[in-house]
Structure formats: C-alpha cells, structure tokens
PDB file of all heavy atoms in Angstrom:
ATOM      1  N   ALA A   1      -6.940 -13.325 -16.598  1.00  0.00           N
ATOM      2  CA  ALA A   1      -5.813 -14.114 -17.113  1.00  0.00           C
ATOM      3  C   ALA A   1      -5.052 -13.251 -18.105  1.00  0.00           C
ATOM      4  O   ALA A   1      -5.566 -12.215 -18.567  1.00  0.00           O
ATOM      5  CB  ALA A   1      -6.317 -15.398 -17.783  1.00  0.00           C
ATOM      6  N   PRO A   2      -3.827 -13.667 -18.468  1.00  0.00           N
ATOM      7  CA  PRO A   2      -3.122 -12.942 -19.528  1.00  0.00           C
ATOM      8  C   PRO A   2      -3.955 -12.887 -20.801  1.00  0.00           C
ATOM      9  O   PRO A   2      -4.720 -13.797 -21.112  1.00  0.00           O
ATOM     10  CB  PRO A   2      -1.846 -13.770 -19.725  1.00  0.00           C
ATOM     11  CG  PRO A   2      -1.643 -14.476 -18.426  1.00  0.00           C
ATOM     12  CD  PRO A   2      -3.033 -14.776 -17.917  1.00  0.00           C
ATOM     13  N   GLY A   3      -3.794 -11.798 -21.542  1.00  0.00           N
ATOM     14  CA  GLY A   3      -4.635 -11.574 -22.697  1.00  0.00           C
ATOM     15  C   GLY A   3      -4.215 -12.345 -23.932  1.00  0.00           C
ATOM     16  O   GLY A   3      -3.135 -12.934 -23.998  1.00  0.00           O
ATOM     17  N   ASP A   4      -5.112 -12.340 -24.894  1.00  0.00           N
ATOM     18  CA  ASP A   4      -4.832 -12.861 -26.222  1.00  0.00           C
ATOM     19  C   ASP A   4      -5.535 -11.949 -27.222  1.00  0.00           C
ATOM     20  O   ASP A   4      -6.184 -10.972 -26.839  1.00  0.00           O
ATOM     21  CB  ASP A   4      -5.259 -14.331 -26.374  1.00  0.00           C
ATOM     22  CG  ASP A   4      -6.740 -14.558 -26.137  1.00  0.00           C
ATOM     23  OD1 ASP A   4      -7.489 -13.570 -25.937  1.00  0.00           O
ATOM     24  OD2 ASP A   4      -7.178 -15.731 -26.155  1.00  0.00           O
ATOM     25  N   GLN A   5      -5.357 -12.213 -28.505  1.00  0.00           N
ATOM     26  CA  GLN A   5      -6.018 -11.445 -29.556  1.00  0.00           C
ATOM     27  C   GLN A   5      -5.782  -9.941 -29.407  1.00  0.00           C
ATOM     28  O   GLN A   5      -6.679  -9.113 -29.602  1.00  0.00           O
ATOM     29  CB  GLN A   5      -7.517 -11.763 -29.585  1.00  0.00           C
ATOM     30  CG  GLN A   5      -7.817 -13.242 -29.812  1.00  0.00           C
ATOM     31  CD  GLN A   5      -9.300 -13.562 -29.790  1.00  0.00           C
ATOM     32  OE1 GLN A   5     -10.146 -12.665 -29.790  1.00  0.00           O
ATOM     33  NE2 GLN A   5      -9.620 -14.850 -29.776  1.00  0.00           N
ATOM     34  N   GLY A   6      -4.548  -9.583 -29.028  1.00  0.00           N
ATOM     35  CA  GLY A   6      -4.162  -8.187 -28.959  1.00  0.00           C
ATOM     36  C   GLY A   6      -4.379  -7.497 -27.636  1.00  0.00           C
ATOM     37  O   GLY A   6      -3.994  -6.330 -27.467  1.00  0.00           O
ATOM     38  N   ALA A   7      -4.979  -8.176 -26.669  1.00  0.00           N
ATOM     39  CA  ALA A   7      -5.212  -7.579 -25.349  1.00  0.00           C
ATOM     40  C   ALA A   7      -4.085  -7.949 -24.393  1.00  0.00           C
ATOM     41  O   ALA A   7      -3.477  -9.010 -24.494  1.00  0.00           O
ATOM     42  CB  ALA A   7      -6.544  -8.060 -24.783  1.00  0.00           C
ATOM     43  N   ASP A   8      -3.824  -7.050 -23.430  1.00  0.00           N
ATOM     44  CA  ASP A   8      -2.835  -7.352 -22.394  1.00  0.00           C
ATOM     45  C   ASP A   8      -3.392  -8.320 -21.357  1.00  0.00           C
ATOM     46  O   ASP A   8      -2.650  -9.119 -20.786  1.00  0.00           O
ATOM     47  CB  ASP A   8      -2.387  -6.059 -21.706  1.00  0.00           C
ATOM     48  CG  ASP A   8      -1.600  -5.152 -22.635  1.00  0.00           C
ATOM     49  OD1 ASP A   8      -0.492  -5.541 -23.042  1.00  0.00           O
ATOM     50  OD2 ASP A   8      -2.108  -4.066 -22.957  1.00  0.00           O
ATOM     51  N   PHE A   9      -4.690  -8.221 -21.104  1.00  0.00           N
ATOM     52  CA  PHE A   9      -5.329  -9.123 -20.141  1.00  0.00           C
ATOM     53  C   PHE A   9      -6.796  -9.266 -20.516  1.00  0.00           C
ATOM     54  O   PHE A   9      -7.361  -8.446 -21.246  1.00  0.00           O
ATOM     55  CB  PHE A   9      -5.186  -8.614 -18.703  1.00  0.00           C
ATOM     56  CG  PHE A   9      -5.790  -7.255 -18.459  1.00  0.00           C
ATOM     57  CD1 PHE A   9      -7.126  -7.118 -18.107  1.00  0.00           C
ATOM     58  CD2 PHE A   9      -5.021  -6.102 -18.578  1.00  0.00           C
ATOM     59  CE1 PHE A   9      -7.691  -5.873 -17.889  1.00  0.00           C
ATOM     60  CE2 PHE A   9      -5.577  -4.841 -18.372  1.00  0.00           C
ATOM     61  CZ  PHE A   9      -6.908  -4.723 -18.026  1.00  0.00           C
ATOM     62  N   VAL A  10      -7.408 -10.326 -20.008  1.00  0.00           N
ATOM     63  CA  VAL A  10      -8.836 -10.556 -20.193  1.00  0.00           C
ATOM     64  C   VAL A  10      -9.485 -10.726 -18.822  1.00  0.00           C
ATOM     65  O   VAL A  10      -8.798 -10.992 -17.825  1.00  0.00           O
ATOM     66  CB  VAL A  10      -9.120 -11.789 -21.074  1.00  0.00           C
ATOM     67  CG1 VAL A  10      -8.510 -11.611 -22.458  1.00  0.00           C
ATOM     68  CG2 VAL A  10      -8.595 -13.063 -20.412  1.00  0.00           C
ATOM     69  N   SER A  11     -10.791 -10.597 -18.787  1.00  0.00           N
ATOM     70  CA  SER A  11     -11.496 -10.724 -17.505  1.00  0.00           C
ATOM     71  C   SER A  11     -12.957 -11.058 -17.738  1.00  0.00           C
ATOM     72  O   SER A  11     -13.491 -10.898 -18.836  1.00  0.00           O
ATOM     73  CB  SER A  11     -11.394  -9.416 -16.704  1.00  0.00           C
ATOM     74  OG  SER A  11     -12.096  -8.376 -17.365  1.00  0.00           O
ATOM     75  N   ARG A  12     -13.588 -11.530 -16.670  1.00  0.00           N
ATOM     76  CA  ARG A  12     -15.034 -11.575 -16.529  1.00  0.00           C
ATOM     77  C   ARG A  12     -15.363 -11.189 -15.090  1.00  0.00           C
ATOM     78  O   ARG A  12     -14.557 -11.455 -14.184  1.00  0.00           O
ATOM     79  CB  ARG A  12     -15.597 -12.961 -16.863  1.00  0.00           C
ATOM     80  CG  ARG A  12     -15.542 -13.260 -18.370  1.00  0.00           C
ATOM     81  CD  ARG A  12     -15.930 -14.678 -18.700  1.00  0.00           C
ATOM     82  NE  ARG A  12     -17.326 -14.962 -18.363  1.00  0.00           N
ATOM     83  CZ  ARG A  12     -17.841 -16.196 -18.331  1.00  0.00           C
ATOM     84  NH1 ARG A  12     -17.069 -17.250 -18.605  1.00  0.00           N
ATOM     85  NH2 ARG A  12     -19.108 -16.379 -18.035  1.00  0.00           N
ATOM     86  N   CYS A  13     -16.543 -10.574 -14.880  1.00  0.00           N
ATOM     87  CA  CYS A  13     -16.864  -9.996 -13.581  1.00  0.00           C
ATOM     88  C   CYS A  13     -18.272 -10.412 -13.148  1.00  0.00           C
ATOM     89  O   CYS A  13     -19.221 -10.296 -13.932  1.00  0.00           O
ATOM     90  CB  CYS A  13     -16.783  -8.472 -13.653  1.00  0.00           C
ATOM     91  SG  CYS A  13     -15.141  -7.859 -14.082  1.00  0.00           S
ATOM     92  N   PHE A  14     -18.371 -10.840 -11.892  1.00  0.00           N
ATOM     93  CA  PHE A  14     -19.617 -11.415 -11.370  1.00  0.00           C
ATOM     94  C   PHE A  14     -20.003 -10.694 -10.074  1.00  0.00           C
ATOM     95  O   PHE A  14     -19.194 -10.625  -9.133  1.00  0.00           O
ATOM     96  CB  PHE A  14     -19.423 -12.906 -11.104  1.00  0.00           C
ATOM     97  CG  PHE A  14     -18.919 -13.663 -12.312  1.00  0.00           C
ATOM     98  CD1 PHE A  14     -17.565 -13.889 -12.491  1.00  0.00           C
ATOM     99  CD2 PHE A  14     -19.802 -14.126 -13.280  1.00  0.00           C
ATOM    100  CE1 PHE A  14     -17.090 -14.574 -13.599  1.00  0.00           C
ATOM    101  CE2 PHE A  14     -19.339 -14.812 -14.395  1.00  0.00           C
ATOM    102  CZ  PHE A  14     -17.988 -15.037 -14.558  1.00  0.00           C
ATOM    103  N   TYR A  15     -21.269 -10.191 -10.021  1.00  0.00           N
ATOM    104  CA  TYR A  15     -21.728  -9.401  -8.874  1.00  0.00           C
ATOM    105  C   TYR A  15     -23.134  -9.811  -8.421  1.00  0.00           C
ATOM    106  O   TYR A  15     -24.013  -8.953  -8.273  1.00  0.00           O
ATOM    107  CB  TYR A  15     -21.707  -7.912  -9.228  1.00  0.00           C
ATOM    108  CG  TYR A  15     -20.348  -7.413  -9.646  1.00  0.00           C
ATOM    109  CD1 TYR A  15     -20.051  -7.204 -10.987  1.00  0.00           C
ATOM    110  CD2 TYR A  15     -19.352  -7.164  -8.707  1.00  0.00           C
ATOM    111  CE1 TYR A  15     -18.802  -6.758 -11.385  1.00  0.00           C
ATOM    112  CE2 TYR A  15     -18.102  -6.715  -9.088  1.00  0.00           C
ATOM    113  CZ  TYR A  15     -17.837  -6.516 -10.432  1.00  0.00           C
ATOM    114  OH  TYR A  15     -16.591  -6.075 -10.813  1.00  0.00           O
ATOM    115  N   PRO A  16     -23.392 -11.074  -8.171  1.00  0.00           N
ATOM    116  CA  PRO A  16     -24.747 -11.459  -7.756  1.00  0.00           C
ATOM    117  C   PRO A  16     -25.167 -10.849  -6.427  1.00  0.00           C
ATOM    118  O   PRO A  16     -26.367 -10.697  -6.176  1.00  0.00           O
ATOM    119  CB  PRO A  16     -24.675 -12.990  -7.682  1.00  0.00           C
ATOM    120  CG  PRO A  16     -23.221 -13.309  -7.544  1.00  0.00           C
ATOM    121  CD  PRO A  16     -22.496 -12.240  -8.300  1.00  0.00           C
ATOM    122  N   ALA A  17     -24.217 -10.455  -5.580  1.00  0.00           N
ATOM    123  CA  ALA A  17     -24.577  -9.867  -4.287  1.00  0.00           C
ATOM    124  C   ALA A  17     -25.293  -8.532  -4.447  1.00  0.00           C
ATOM    125  O   ALA A  17     -26.034  -8.107  -3.551  1.00  0.00           O
ATOM    126  CB  ALA A  17     -23.323  -9.688  -3.427  1.00  0.00           C
ATOM    127  N   VAL A  18     -25.092  -7.850  -5.592  1.00  0.00           N
ATOM    128  CA  VAL A  18     -25.791  -6.588  -5.839  1.00  0.00           C
ATOM    129  C   VAL A  18     -26.739  -6.713  -7.033  1.00  0.00           C
ATOM    130  O   VAL A  18     -27.082  -5.727  -7.685  1.00  0.00           O
ATOM    131  CB  VAL A  18     -24.806  -5.414  -6.039  1.00  0.00           C
ATOM    132  CG1 VAL A  18     -24.082  -5.104  -4.749  1.00  0.00           C
ATOM    133  CG2 VAL A  18     -23.816  -5.703  -7.171  1.00  0.00           C
ATOM    134  N   GLY A  19     -27.175  -7.941  -7.327  1.00  0.00           N
ATOM    135  CA  GLY A  19     -28.200  -8.149  -8.323  1.00  0.00           C
ATOM    136  C   GLY A  19     -27.725  -8.244  -9.756  1.00  0.00           C
ATOM    137  O   GLY A  19     -28.536  -8.168 -10.678  1.00  0.00           O
ATOM    138  N   VAL A  20     -26.416  -8.422  -9.978  1.00  0.00           N
ATOM    139  CA  VAL A  20     -25.862  -8.507 -11.330  1.00  0.00           C
ATOM    140  C   VAL A  20     -25.063  -9.799 -11.427  1.00  0.00           C
ATOM    141  O   VAL A  20     -23.932  -9.879 -10.935  1.00  0.00           O
ATOM    142  CB  VAL A  20     -24.962  -7.297 -11.644  1.00  0.00           C
ATOM    143  CG1 VAL A  20     -24.416  -7.392 -13.075  1.00  0.00           C
ATOM    144  CG2 VAL A  20     -25.719  -5.994 -11.443  1.00  0.00           C
ATOM    145  N   ASP A  21     -25.638 -10.820 -12.043  1.00  0.00           N
ATOM    146  CA  ASP A  21     -24.951 -12.104 -12.105  1.00  0.00           C
ATOM    147  C   ASP A  21     -23.605 -11.969 -12.815  1.00  0.00           C
ATOM    148  O   ASP A  21     -22.565 -12.356 -12.279  1.00  0.00           O
ATOM    149  CB  ASP A  21     -25.817 -13.147 -12.804  1.00  0.00           C
ATOM    150  CG  ASP A  21     -26.935 -13.652 -11.913  1.00  0.00           C
ATOM    151  OD1 ASP A  21     -26.932 -13.327 -10.706  1.00  0.00           O
ATOM    152  OD2 ASP A  21     -27.820 -14.359 -12.422  1.00  0.00           O
ATOM    153  N   GLU A  22     -23.619 -11.463 -14.045  1.00  0.00           N
ATOM    154  CA  GLU A  22     -22.374 -11.177 -14.760  1.00  0.00           C
ATOM    155  C   GLU A  22     -22.508  -9.823 -15.430  1.00  0.00           C
ATOM    156  O   GLU A  22     -23.439  -9.593 -16.200  1.00  0.00           O
ATOM    157  CB  GLU A  22     -22.036 -12.237 -15.803  1.00  0.00           C
ATOM    158  CG  GLU A  22     -20.738 -11.905 -16.549  1.00  0.00           C
ATOM    159  CD  GLU A  22     -20.192 -13.015 -17.432  1.00  0.00           C
ATOM    160  OE1 GLU A  22     -20.874 -14.058 -17.542  1.00  0.00           O
ATOM    161  OE2 GLU A  22     -19.102 -12.855 -18.000  1.00  0.00           O
ATOM    162  N   ASP A  23     -21.559  -8.938 -15.133  1.00  0.00           N
ATOM    163  CA  ASP A  23     -21.572  -7.608 -15.723  1.00  0.00           C
ATOM    164  C   ASP A  23     -20.868  -7.661 -17.076  1.00  0.00           C
ATOM    165  O   ASP A  23     -19.758  -8.192 -17.174  1.00  0.00           O
ATOM    166  CB  ASP A  23     -20.858  -6.632 -14.797  1.00  0.00           C
ATOM    167  CG  ASP A  23     -21.201  -5.190 -15.096  1.00  0.00           C
ATOM    168  OD1 ASP A  23     -22.334  -4.922 -15.518  1.00  0.00           O
ATOM    169  OD2 ASP A  23     -20.326  -4.335 -14.903  1.00  0.00           O
ATOM    170  N   PRO A  24     -21.473  -7.114 -18.145  1.00  0.00           N
ATOM    171  CA  PRO A  24     -20.860  -7.254 -19.464  1.00  0.00           C
ATOM    172  C   PRO A  24     -19.484  -6.603 -19.602  1.00  0.00           C
ATOM    173  O   PRO A  24     -18.554  -7.222 -20.124  1.00  0.00           O
ATOM    174  CB  PRO A  24     -21.883  -6.601 -20.395  1.00  0.00           C
ATOM    175  CG  PRO A  24     -23.191  -6.766 -19.704  1.00  0.00           C
ATOM    176  CD  PRO A  24     -22.858  -6.599 -18.248  1.00  0.00           C
ATOM    177  N   VAL A  25     -19.344  -5.345 -19.167  1.00  0.00           N
ATOM    178  CA  VAL A  25     -18.047  -4.648 -19.208  1.00  0.00           C
ATOM    179  C   VAL A  25     -18.009  -3.720 -18.001  1.00  0.00           C
ATOM    180  O   VAL A  25     -18.877  -2.865 -17.856  1.00  0.00           O
ATOM    181  CB  VAL A  25     -17.839  -3.827 -20.491  1.00  0.00           C
ATOM    182  CG1 VAL A  25     -16.367  -3.410 -20.604  1.00  0.00           C
ATOM    183  CG2 VAL A  25     -18.261  -4.580 -21.731  1.00  0.00           C
ATOM    184  N   THR A  26     -16.985  -3.847 -17.158  1.00  0.00           N
ATOM    185  CA  THR A  26     -16.993  -3.228 -15.833  1.00  0.00           C
ATOM    186  C   THR A  26     -15.837  -2.245 -15.695  1.00  0.00           C
ATOM    187  O   THR A  26     -14.685  -2.637 -15.507  1.00  0.00           O
ATOM    188  CB  THR A  26     -16.896  -4.306 -14.738  1.00  0.00           C
ATOM    189  OG1 THR A  26     -17.798  -5.371 -15.049  1.00  0.00           O
ATOM    190  CG2 THR A  26     -17.217  -3.729 -13.375  1.00  0.00           C
ATOM    191  N   GLY A  27     -16.156  -0.945 -15.755  1.00  0.00           N
ATOM    192  CA  GLY A  27     -15.102   0.056 -15.625  1.00  0.00           C
ATOM    193  C   GLY A  27     -14.421   0.024 -14.276  1.00  0.00           C
ATOM    194  O   GLY A  27     -13.180   0.066 -14.186  1.00  0.00           O
ATOM    195  N   SER A  28     -15.204  -0.044 -13.186  1.00  0.00           N
ATOM    196  CA  SER A  28     -14.597  -0.023 -11.854  1.00  0.00           C
ATOM    197  C   SER A  28     -13.670  -1.216 -11.640  1.00  0.00           C
ATOM    198  O   SER A  28     -12.637  -1.099 -10.971  1.00  0.00           O
ATOM    199  CB  SER A  28     -15.679   0.009 -10.776  1.00  0.00           C
ATOM    200  OG  SER A  28     -16.515  -1.129 -10.846  1.00  0.00           O
ATOM    201  N   ALA A  29     -14.005  -2.371 -12.217  1.00  0.00           N
ATOM    202  CA  ALA A  29     -13.132  -3.539 -12.081  1.00  0.00           C
ATOM    203  C   ALA A  29     -11.782  -3.308 -12.752  1.00  0.00           C
ATOM    204  O   ALA A  29     -10.768  -3.875 -12.330  1.00  0.00           O
ATOM    205  CB  ALA A  29     -13.803  -4.767 -12.678  1.00  0.00           C
ATOM    206  N   HIS A  30     -11.765  -2.465 -13.787  1.00  0.00           N
ATOM    207  CA  HIS A  30     -10.495  -2.207 -14.465  1.00  0.00           C
ATOM    208  C   HIS A  30      -9.567  -1.318 -13.634  1.00  0.00           C
ATOM    209  O   HIS A  30      -8.363  -1.278 -13.896  1.00  0.00           O
ATOM    210  CB  HIS A  30     -10.746  -1.636 -15.861  1.00  0.00           C
ATOM    211  CG  HIS A  30     -11.085  -2.700 -16.853  1.00  0.00           C
ATOM    212  ND1 HIS A  30     -12.334  -3.300 -16.894  1.00  0.00           N
ATOM    213  CD2 HIS A  30     -10.338  -3.318 -17.805  1.00  0.00           C
ATOM    214  CE1 HIS A  30     -12.335  -4.223 -17.845  1.00  0.00           C
ATOM    215  NE2 HIS A  30     -11.148  -4.257 -18.412  1.00  0.00           N
ATOM    216  N   CYS A  31     -10.094  -0.642 -12.622  1.00  0.00           N
ATOM    217  CA  CYS A  31      -9.209   0.022 -11.655  1.00  0.00           C
ATOM    218  C   CYS A  31      -8.458  -1.021 -10.839  1.00  0.00           C
ATOM    219  O   CYS A  31      -7.284  -0.840 -10.492  1.00  0.00           O
ATOM    220  CB  CYS A  31     -10.025   0.923 -10.737  1.00  0.00           C
ATOM    221  SG  CYS A  31     -10.854   2.279 -11.584  1.00  0.00           S
ATOM    222  N   THR A  32      -9.124  -2.125 -10.521  1.00  0.00           N
ATOM    223  CA  THR A  32      -8.498  -3.241  -9.808  1.00  0.00           C
ATOM    224  C   THR A  32      -7.572  -4.007 -10.734  1.00  0.00           C
ATOM    225  O   THR A  32      -6.428  -4.329 -10.374  1.00  0.00           O
ATOM    226  CB  THR A  32      -9.593  -4.174  -9.253  1.00  0.00           C
ATOM    227  OG1 THR A  32     -10.566  -3.407  -8.545  1.00  0.00           O
ATOM    228  CG2 THR A  32      -9.010  -5.227  -8.338  1.00  0.00           C
ATOM    229  N   LEU A  33      -8.039  -4.302 -11.942  1.00  0.00           N
ATOM    230  CA  LEU A  33      -7.216  -5.026 -12.916  1.00  0.00           C
ATOM    231  C   LEU A  33      -5.959  -4.241 -13.271  1.00  0.00           C
ATOM    232  O   LEU A  33      -4.889  -4.826 -13.470  1.00  0.00           O
ATOM    233  CB  LEU A  33      -8.051  -5.296 -14.164  1.00  0.00           C
ATOM    234  CG  LEU A  33      -9.152  -6.343 -13.991  1.00  0.00           C
ATOM    235  CD1 LEU A  33     -10.239  -6.163 -15.049  1.00  0.00           C
ATOM    236  CD2 LEU A  33      -8.568  -7.757 -14.058  1.00  0.00           C
ATOM    237  N   ALA A  34      -6.060  -2.914 -13.357  1.00  0.00           N
ATOM    238  CA  ALA A  34      -4.889  -2.097 -13.678  1.00  0.00           C
ATOM    239  C   ALA A  34      -3.804  -2.239 -12.618  1.00  0.00           C
ATOM    240  O   ALA A  34      -2.614  -2.287 -12.934  1.00  0.00           O
ATOM    241  CB  ALA A  34      -5.303  -0.629 -13.812  1.00  0.00           C
ATOM    242  N   ALA A  35      -4.228  -2.314 -11.339  1.00  0.00           N
ATOM    243  CA  ALA A  35      -3.248  -2.471 -10.272  1.00  0.00           C
ATOM    244  C   ALA A  35      -2.476  -3.768 -10.414  1.00  0.00           C
ATOM    245  O   ALA A  35      -1.257  -3.825 -10.214  1.00  0.00           O
ATOM    246  CB  ALA A  35      -3.947  -2.402  -8.909  1.00  0.00           C
ATOM    247  N   HIS A  36      -3.193  -4.844 -10.778  1.00  0.00           N
ATOM    248  CA  HIS A  36      -2.532  -6.149 -10.908  1.00  0.00           C
ATOM    249  C   HIS A  36      -1.674  -6.225 -12.164  1.00  0.00           C
ATOM    250  O   HIS A  36      -0.475  -6.527 -12.091  1.00  0.00           O
ATOM    251  CB  HIS A  36      -3.577  -7.266 -10.936  1.00  0.00           C
ATOM    252  CG  HIS A  36      -2.970  -8.622 -11.133  1.00  0.00           C
ATOM    253  ND1 HIS A  36      -2.368  -9.319 -10.111  1.00  0.00           N
ATOM    254  CD2 HIS A  36      -2.851  -9.409 -12.234  1.00  0.00           C
ATOM    255  CE1 HIS A  36      -1.912 -10.471 -10.572  1.00  0.00           C
ATOM    256  NE2 HIS A  36      -2.190 -10.544 -11.868  1.00  0.00           N
ATOM    257  N   TRP A  37      -2.263  -5.937 -13.314  1.00  0.00           N
ATOM    258  CA  TRP A  37      -1.549  -6.182 -14.574  1.00  0.00           C
ATOM    259  C   TRP A  37      -0.524  -5.103 -14.875  1.00  0.00           C
ATOM    260  O   TRP A  37       0.481  -5.378 -15.545  1.00  0.00           O
ATOM    261  CB  TRP A  37      -2.552  -6.333 -15.713  1.00  0.00           C
ATOM    262  CG  TRP A  37      -3.314  -7.621 -15.599  1.00  0.00           C
ATOM    263  CD1 TRP A  37      -4.631  -7.780 -15.281  1.00  0.00           C
ATOM    264  CD2 TRP A  37      -2.793  -8.940 -15.770  1.00  0.00           C
ATOM    265  NE1 TRP A  37      -4.964  -9.107 -15.235  1.00  0.00           N
ATOM    266  CE2 TRP A  37      -3.857  -9.844 -15.543  1.00  0.00           C
ATOM    267  CE3 TRP A  37      -1.533  -9.449 -16.093  1.00  0.00           C
ATOM    268  CZ2 TRP A  37      -3.691 -11.222 -15.630  1.00  0.00           C
ATOM    269  CZ3 TRP A  37      -1.368 -10.822 -16.182  1.00  0.00           C
ATOM    270  CH2 TRP A  37      -2.436 -11.691 -15.948  1.00  0.00           C
ATOM    271  N   GLY A  38      -0.730  -3.889 -14.368  1.00  0.00           N
ATOM    272  CA  GLY A  38       0.302  -2.874 -14.536  1.00  0.00           C
ATOM    273  C   GLY A  38       1.603  -3.288 -13.874  1.00  0.00           C
ATOM    274  O   GLY A  38       2.691  -3.179 -14.459  1.00  0.00           O
TER     275      GLY A  38
END
C-alpha cells in the first residue's frame, strides 16, 4: 500500500509454499515492489 511515516510504500510478504509463513524483510520482493511503485 502507499507508505506512511516517511516511507514511499509499505509491504508484508508471505511465502508458506517454501516454508516461510511471513518473511520479516524481503530484498527480492523489493525488486517487484520497485517495478510497481517506481
């Protein structure tokens, strides 16, 4: 969603298919997020 508290965007990332219910901070997801929010 659009960001708040000084961020341009916020996110949460969920990967139960590879054994990670919620990933705390996901670098690879920010390659995807950059495409959208840029």
